[in-house]
């Protein structure tokens, strides 16, 4: 599935889950346990200092190269890329299908 479709499915599933929790009780936290789920937050150590002394094109090329490799591995392994935030790559696997 295209990334935008995956994101829509996850967002829709999350919205339904939140809606079902909020309609039952306001006193209980909204949380579900998925023992097989793994969330990855990959952040590049020293990136801010490194990027502050580089040309924007060089920074972009580094991030593009790293994210392209991560995306390829994610597709191969069935991992859902949630988003990238600056130099942080966020991905998840092991969630049930919606």
Protein backbone atom coordinates (compact mmCIF):
# COMPACT_ATOMS: atom_id res chain seq x y z
CA UNK A 1 0.00 0.00 0.00
CA UNK A 2 1.17 3.57 -0.59
CA UNK A 3 2.43 5.39 2.49
CA UNK A 4 -0.54 7.80 2.45
CA UNK A 5 -2.96 4.86 2.41
CA UNK A 6 -1.13 3.20 5.31
CA UNK A 7 -1.19 6.45 7.25
CA UNK A 8 -4.94 6.80 6.62
CA UNK A 9 -5.59 3.24 7.80
CA UNK A 10 -3.55 3.76 10.98
CA UNK A 11 -5.14 7.17 11.61
CA UNK A 12 -8.63 5.78 11.04
CA UNK A 13 -7.98 2.80 13.26
CA UNK A 14 -6.53 5.04 15.99
CA UNK A 15 -9.46 7.43 15.73
CA UNK A 16 -11.94 4.55 16.09
CA UNK A 17 -10.04 3.23 19.09
CA UNK A 18 -9.98 6.65 20.77
CA UNK A 19 -13.67 7.19 20.01
CA UNK A 20 -14.62 3.86 21.57
CA UNK A 21 -12.59 4.64 24.70
CA UNK A 22 -13.98 8.15 25.15
CA UNK A 23 -17.57 6.98 24.78
CA UNK A 24 -17.21 4.44 27.62
CA UNK A 25 -15.49 6.35 30.42
CA UNK A 26 -13.75 9.65 31.01
CA UNK A 27 -11.94 8.40 34.14
CA UNK A 28 -9.94 5.63 32.52
CA UNK A 29 -6.77 6.34 30.49
CA UNK A 30 -6.86 5.74 26.76
CA UNK A 31 -4.38 2.92 26.33
CA UNK A 32 -4.25 -0.42 24.56
CA UNK A 33 -1.63 -3.10 25.04
CA UNK A 34 -0.06 -4.70 21.97
CA UNK A 35 2.70 -7.02 23.28
CA UNK A 36 4.05 -7.69 19.77
CA UNK A 37 4.34 -3.98 18.90
CA UNK A 38 7.67 -2.21 18.55
CA UNK A 39 8.04 1.54 18.04
CA UNK A 40 11.33 2.87 16.67
CA UNK A 41 12.55 6.42 17.24
CA UNK A 42 15.86 6.72 15.38
CA UNK A 43 17.65 10.01 16.00
CA UNK A 44 21.06 10.95 14.59
CA UNK A 45 23.45 11.72 17.42
CA UNK A 46 25.20 15.07 16.94
CA UNK A 47 23.04 15.99 13.96
CA UNK A 48 22.16 19.52 15.08
CA UNK A 49 25.79 20.50 15.62
CA UNK A 50 26.89 18.79 12.40
CA UNK A 51 24.13 20.34 10.28
CA UNK A 52 24.72 23.84 11.65
CA UNK A 53 28.07 24.03 9.84
CA UNK A 54 26.93 22.42 6.57
CA UNK A 55 25.21 23.70 3.47
CA UNK A 56 21.48 22.89 3.32
CA UNK A 57 21.99 20.72 0.23
CA UNK A 58 24.53 18.58 2.08
CA UNK A 59 22.15 18.15 5.04
CA UNK A 60 19.29 17.25 2.71
CA UNK A 61 21.42 14.73 0.81
CA UNK A 62 22.45 12.97 4.04
CA UNK A 63 18.87 12.75 5.32
CA UNK A 64 17.54 11.65 1.94
CA UNK A 65 20.17 8.88 1.73
CA UNK A 66 19.48 7.61 5.25
CA UNK A 67 15.69 7.79 4.95
CA UNK A 68 15.71 6.08 1.56
CA UNK A 69 17.67 3.17 3.08
CA UNK A 70 15.32 3.02 6.10
CA UNK A 71 12.25 3.14 3.81
CA UNK A 72 13.62 0.27 1.70
CA UNK A 73 14.24 -1.86 4.80
CA UNK A 74 10.82 -0.95 6.22
CA UNK A 75 9.03 -2.05 3.03
CA UNK A 76 11.04 -5.28 2.93
CA UNK A 77 10.24 -6.10 6.57
CA UNK A 78 6.61 -4.90 6.65
CA UNK A 79 7.33 -2.00 8.99
CA UNK A 80 5.06 1.06 8.89
CA UNK A 81 6.90 4.39 8.69
CA UNK A 82 4.91 6.80 10.83
CA UNK A 83 6.85 9.95 9.94
CA UNK A 84 10.16 11.73 9.89
CA UNK A 85 10.70 14.77 12.06
CA UNK A 86 13.94 16.54 11.22
CA UNK A 87 16.60 13.89 11.77
CA UNK A 88 14.24 11.54 13.65
CA UNK A 89 12.69 8.54 11.87
CA UNK A 90 9.61 7.06 13.54
CA UNK A 91 8.34 3.58 12.57
CA UNK A 92 6.14 0.88 14.07
CA UNK A 93 5.58 -2.84 13.58
CA UNK A 94 3.53 -5.55 15.25
CA UNK A 95 0.21 -3.71 15.39
CA UNK A 96 -2.94 -5.64 14.49
CA UNK A 97 -4.57 -4.96 11.13
CA UNK A 98 -7.50 -2.51 11.34
